Amino acid sequence: MESSLGALLVRRSPQRGESLSSWRQRIGWANGFAAFPVPEGGNRRRDPDVGADQSELHWIAALNRSQFDAIRAMSQFGLCPQVFSKISSRGHSPWWTRARPATSARGYGPMFCPVCLYTDAVPFFRLAWRLAFNFNCPVHGVRLIDTCAHCGRPPWPCGSAVPARLSTAFSCMSLCWQCAGGLSSQPTIADDREGVPARWLASSVIENPRTSPWLLVDALAALRSLCQLFLRGRSRRVIEESGSKWAPLAARFSTKA
């Protein structure tokens, strides 16, 4: 039984900014597991990067002889409260890209930077890649990708829920879990738009020279509310018909809806 595991023989230190699911999978490989171990009766369909199940986080800490707080920080809780004011048991928080366990091709989900995976000495997935407002890589200036170019499947950790579907050649985080195609060799698109700077995530505030600093979580909540005005049909039509400077933007959303 997986719950009877004492402590893993081989341990790996997490890379800076690594997601919990990425670190667990790398340790699983080092100890001979095709998919990272879970407690007996554990729910693999739960997003492994959310960390809402505190008992499982304690189990992971004991299994790896690690500090609970360090394990928790690699989950979605590591972004609370600077990004999320609270985290629900299912982890459906605003700005969090959901990792559904479905294996069908989808055009959205967790993301990755091919150049990061190519240049990593040890390829790993970043927790920050799970945030929807991080649409490009701040290091390499390329657009983040949310599907494998070879099989069209969404990237890790979507495959963690279906270990029977993992490719037998899936042995590195720079490979697709479904087809083992190289993620680091995928074509990239230059994108120099600035997302949420890392310093804002680190300090939890947005500097504003004209006003007092804003709490990042409040600014993101306001941005999400603004986005909803343009995404929801009724409010979008009101803006489109208003004749204001925002009307052309609303009209462009209408043509894409």
Protein backbone atom coordinates (compact mmCIF):
# COMPACT_ATOMS: atom_id res chain seq x y z
CA MET A 1 0.00 0.00 0.00
CA GLU A 2 1.29 3.47 -0.80
CA SER A 3 0.25 4.75 2.63
CA SER A 4 2.63 2.25 4.26
CA LEU A 5 5.69 3.90 2.71
CA GLY A 6 8.04 5.07 5.43
CA ALA A 7 10.36 7.60 3.82
CA LEU A 8 11.72 7.68 0.29
CA LEU A 9 15.30 6.50 -0.09
CA VAL A 10 16.21 9.09 -2.71
CA ARG A 11 15.33 12.72 -2.11
CA ARG A 12 15.66 15.77 -4.33
CA SER A 13 15.77 19.41 -3.34
CA PRO A 14 13.12 21.52 -5.10
CA GLN A 15 14.25 24.08 -7.63
CA ARG A 16 13.47 27.68 -6.86
CA GLY A 17 9.86 28.41 -7.82
CA GLU A 18 9.10 24.75 -8.61
CA SER A 19 5.54 23.53 -8.37
CA LEU A 20 4.63 20.79 -5.92
CA SER A 21 3.50 18.40 -8.66
CA SER A 22 6.75 18.84 -10.59
CA TRP A 23 8.91 18.19 -7.53
CA ARG A 24 6.89 15.16 -6.44
CA GLN A 25 7.11 13.62 -9.90
CA ARG A 26 10.88 14.11 -10.09
CA ILE A 27 11.29 12.42 -6.71
CA GLY A 28 8.93 9.65 -7.79
CA TRP A 29 11.14 8.89 -10.80
CA ALA A 30 14.26 8.87 -8.61
CA ASN A 31 12.63 6.20 -6.43
CA GLY A 32 11.36 4.01 -9.25
CA PHE A 33 7.75 5.21 -9.49
CA ALA A 34 6.18 5.93 -12.87
CA ALA A 35 3.84 8.41 -11.16
CA PHE A 36 4.42 10.10 -7.82
CA PRO A 37 3.02 8.13 -4.87
CA VAL A 38 -0.13 9.22 -3.06
CA PRO A 39 -1.58 8.15 0.31
CA GLU A 40 -3.80 5.07 0.32
CA GLY A 41 -7.21 6.23 -0.81
CA GLY A 42 -5.74 9.50 -2.07
CA ASN A 43 -7.67 11.31 -4.78
CA ARG A 44 -5.50 11.60 -7.88
CA ARG A 45 -8.18 13.65 -9.60
CA ARG A 46 -7.53 16.50 -7.18
CA ASP A 47 -5.18 19.15 -8.55
CA PRO A 48 -1.83 18.27 -6.93
CA ASP A 49 -0.68 21.89 -6.95
CA VAL A 50 -3.64 23.20 -4.95
CA GLY A 51 -2.63 21.64 -1.63
CA ALA A 52 -6.04 22.10 -0.05
CA ASP A 53 -5.82 18.67 1.61
CA GLN A 54 -3.62 19.50 4.58
CA SER A 55 -3.39 15.87 5.70
CA GLU A 56 -1.88 14.90 2.36
CA LEU A 57 0.63 17.74 2.61
CA HIS A 58 1.69 16.41 6.02
CA TRP A 59 1.99 12.93 4.46
CA ILE A 60 4.20 14.31 1.66
CA ALA A 61 6.39 16.11 4.20
CA ALA A 62 6.86 12.92 6.23
CA LEU A 63 7.50 10.82 3.12
CA ASN A 64 10.25 13.19 1.98
CA ARG A 65 11.49 14.16 5.44
CA SER A 66 10.77 17.77 4.60
CA GLN A 67 9.31 20.70 6.49
CA PHE A 68 5.54 21.04 6.15
CA ASP A 69 5.75 24.80 5.52
CA ALA A 70 8.19 24.24 2.64
CA ILE A 71 5.85 21.69 1.06
CA ARG A 72 2.85 23.96 1.48
CA ALA A 73 4.72 26.88 -0.11
CA MET A 74 5.13 24.92 -3.37
CA SER A 75 1.35 24.58 -3.66
CA GLN A 76 -1.25 27.23 -4.42
CA PHE A 77 -0.95 28.25 -0.77
CA GLY A 78 2.48 29.64 -1.64
CA LEU A 79 0.64 32.38 -3.55
CA CYS A 80 -1.76 33.22 -0.72
CA PRO A 81 -2.50 35.97 0.26
CA GLN A 82 -0.58 37.94 -2.37
CA VAL A 83 -2.64 36.49 -5.26
CA PHE A 84 -5.53 34.62 -3.60
CA SER A 85 -7.37 36.01 -0.58
CA LYS A 86 -8.55 32.48 0.17
CA ILE A 87 -8.36 29.03 -1.37
CA SER A 88 -11.40 26.81 -1.64
CA SER A 89 -11.24 23.09 -1.03
CA ARG A 90 -11.43 22.49 -4.79
CA GLY A 91 -8.95 25.23 -5.57
CA HIS A 92 -11.08 26.97 -8.23
CA SER A 93 -9.54 30.33 -7.43
CA PRO A 94 -9.53 33.30 -9.81
CA TRP A 95 -6.42 33.46 -12.03
CA TRP A 96 -5.60 29.77 -11.38
CA THR A 97 -5.47 27.68 -14.58
CA ARG A 98 -7.24 24.44 -13.78
CA ALA A 99 -5.59 21.09 -14.49
CA ARG A 100 -8.55 18.91 -15.32
CA PRO A 101 -7.77 15.19 -15.45
CA ALA A 102 -9.36 14.77 -18.87
CA THR A 103 -7.02 13.49 -21.56
CA SER A 104 -8.80 15.05 -24.53
CA ALA A 105 -7.01 17.82 -26.39
CA ARG A 106 -7.81 21.27 -25.02
CA GLY A 107 -6.61 24.71 -25.94
CA TYR A 108 -6.22 25.96 -22.40
CA GLY A 109 -4.85 24.88 -19.06
CA PRO A 110 -1.48 24.95 -17.26
CA MET A 111 1.33 26.54 -19.23
CA PHE A 112 5.07 26.21 -19.75
CA CYS A 113 8.01 27.97 -21.37
CA PRO A 114 9.90 25.74 -23.84
CA VAL A 115 13.06 27.83 -23.49
CA CYS A 116 13.08 27.46 -19.70
CA LEU A 117 12.77 23.68 -20.05
CA TYR A 118 15.57 23.69 -22.65
CA THR A 119 18.00 25.74 -20.56
CA ASP A 120 17.21 24.15 -17.17
CA ALA A 121 20.03 21.99 -15.84
CA VAL A 122 17.19 19.99 -14.28
CA PRO A 123 13.93 20.67 -16.16
CA PHE A 124 11.04 21.56 -13.88
CA PHE A 125 7.63 23.20 -13.98
CA ARG A 126 7.16 26.52 -12.20
CA LEU A 127 4.27 27.23 -9.84
CA ALA A 128 3.93 30.67 -11.45
CA TRP A 129 3.08 28.98 -14.77
CA ARG A 130 -0.28 28.05 -13.22
CA LEU A 131 -1.31 31.74 -13.07
CA ALA A 132 -3.44 32.99 -15.96
CA PHE A 133 -1.99 36.50 -15.90
CA ASN A 134 1.51 35.12 -16.59
CA PHE A 135 1.05 34.80 -20.33
CA ASN A 136 4.70 35.15 -21.27
CA CYS A 137 8.08 34.20 -19.82
CA PRO A 138 9.73 37.13 -18.02
CA VAL A 139 13.15 35.55 -18.54
CA HIS A 140 13.03 34.68 -22.25
CA GLY A 141 10.32 37.01 -23.57
CA VAL A 142 8.33 34.27 -25.30
CA ARG A 143 4.66 33.36 -25.02
CA LEU A 144 3.84 30.54 -22.63
CA ILE A 145 2.33 27.44 -24.24
CA ASP A 146 -0.60 25.39 -22.93
CA THR A 147 -0.57 22.33 -25.21
CA CYS A 148 1.92 19.80 -26.52
CA ALA A 149 2.60 20.50 -30.20
CA HIS A 150 2.97 16.77 -30.87
CA CYS A 151 -0.27 15.36 -29.42
CA GLY A 152 -2.32 18.44 -28.49
CA ARG A 153 -2.67 17.41 -24.84
CA PRO A 154 -2.47 19.94 -22.00
CA PRO A 155 0.79 19.80 -20.05
CA TRP A 156 1.64 18.57 -16.59
CA PRO A 157 0.09 18.10 -14.07
CA CYS A 158 -2.98 17.06 -16.11
CA GLY A 159 -1.50 13.59 -16.59
CA SER A 160 -0.99 13.01 -12.87
CA ALA A 161 -4.66 12.04 -12.52
CA VAL A 162 -4.39 9.22 -15.06
CA PRO A 163 -1.15 7.32 -14.34
CA ALA A 164 -2.21 4.48 -16.65
CA ARG A 165 -2.08 6.97 -19.53
CA LEU A 166 1.45 8.18 -18.79
CA SER A 167 3.88 7.37 -21.55
CA THR A 168 6.47 4.77 -20.52
CA ALA A 169 9.07 7.20 -21.92
CA PHE A 170 7.90 10.05 -19.67
CA SER A 171 11.01 10.40 -17.53
CA CYS A 172 11.75 14.12 -17.55
CA MET A 173 9.67 17.26 -17.09
CA SER A 174 10.78 18.50 -20.51
CA LEU A 175 8.79 15.65 -22.11
CA CYS A 176 5.04 15.40 -22.65
CA TRP A 177 3.38 13.05 -20.16
CA GLN A 178 1.08 11.67 -22.89
CA CYS A 179 3.35 11.14 -25.92
CA ALA A 180 6.83 11.87 -24.53
CA GLY A 181 7.32 14.48 -27.26
CA GLY A 182 9.88 17.14 -26.51
CA LEU A 183 8.29 20.21 -24.93
CA SER A 184 11.58 22.10 -24.94
CA SER A 185 11.87 21.87 -28.73
CA GLN A 186 8.49 23.41 -29.50
CA PRO A 187 8.46 26.59 -31.60
CA THR A 188 8.08 29.80 -29.62
CA ILE A 189 6.49 33.16 -30.31
CA ALA A 190 8.25 36.32 -29.15
CA ASP A 191 6.07 38.26 -26.73
CA ASP A 192 7.54 41.24 -24.90
CA ARG A 193 4.33 42.23 -23.12
CA GLU A 194 4.89 42.49 -19.40
CA GLY A 195 2.72 40.35 -17.13
CA VAL A 196 2.72 40.68 -13.37
CA PRO A 197 6.38 41.40 -12.50
CA ALA A 198 8.06 38.97 -10.12
CA ARG A 199 8.77 41.80 -7.69
CA TRP A 200 5.03 42.34 -7.25
CA LEU A 201 4.54 38.68 -6.40
CA ALA A 202 7.47 38.85 -3.99
CA SER A 203 6.34 42.04 -2.22
CA SER A 204 2.54 41.54 -2.56
CA VAL A 205 2.16 45.20 -3.56
CA ILE A 206 2.12 47.23 -6.77
CA GLU A 207 4.15 50.41 -6.69
CA ASN A 208 2.26 53.47 -7.89
CA PRO A 209 4.11 56.81 -8.01
CA ARG A 210 0.83 58.80 -7.96
CA THR A 211 -0.90 57.00 -5.09
CA SER A 212 -0.15 54.77 -2.17
CA PRO A 213 0.97 51.23 -3.12
CA TRP A 214 -1.85 48.83 -3.97
CA LEU A 215 -2.13 45.40 -2.49
CA LEU A 216 -1.59 42.97 -5.35
CA VAL A 217 -4.56 40.80 -4.34
CA ASP A 218 -6.86 43.86 -4.44
CA ALA A 219 -5.52 45.00 -7.82
CA LEU A 220 -6.02 41.52 -9.29
CA ALA A 221 -9.57 41.38 -7.92
CA ALA A 222 -10.32 44.73 -9.56
CA LEU A 223 -8.78 43.58 -12.85
CA ARG A 224 -10.87 40.41 -12.81
CA SER A 225 -14.05 42.44 -12.24
CA LEU A 226 -13.12 44.67 -15.18
CA CYS A 227 -12.52 41.63 -17.38
CA GLN A 228 -15.92 40.25 -16.46
CA LEU A 229 -17.56 43.43 -17.76
CA PHE A 230 -16.13 42.77 -21.21
CA LEU A 231 -16.58 39.01 -21.18
CA ARG A 232 -20.23 38.88 -20.09
CA GLY A 233 -22.64 39.46 -22.95
CA ARG A 234 -25.09 41.89 -21.30
CA SER A 235 -22.48 44.28 -19.86
CA ARG A 236 -20.38 44.03 -23.02
CA ARG A 237 -23.32 45.11 -25.18
CA VAL A 238 -23.95 48.09 -22.89
CA ILE A 239 -20.33 49.18 -23.25
CA GLU A 240 -20.39 48.59 -27.01
CA GLU A 241 -23.48 50.78 -27.42
CA SER A 242 -22.23 53.50 -25.08
CA GLY A 243 -20.14 55.31 -27.67
CA SER A 244 -17.35 55.68 -25.12
CA LYS A 245 -13.67 55.10 -25.79
CA TRP A 246 -14.17 51.54 -24.53
CA ALA A 247 -16.83 50.75 -27.15
CA PRO A 248 -14.37 49.60 -29.87
CA LEU A 249 -12.74 47.19 -27.44
CA ALA A 250 -16.13 45.75 -26.48
CA ALA A 251 -16.97 45.40 -30.17
CA ARG A 252 -13.81 43.37 -30.76
CA PHE A 253 -14.81 41.05 -27.94
CA SER A 254 -18.25 40.70 -29.56
CA THR A 255 -16.74 39.48 -32.82
CA LYS A 256 -14.73 36.83 -30.98
CA ALA A 257 -17.58 35.64 -28.75
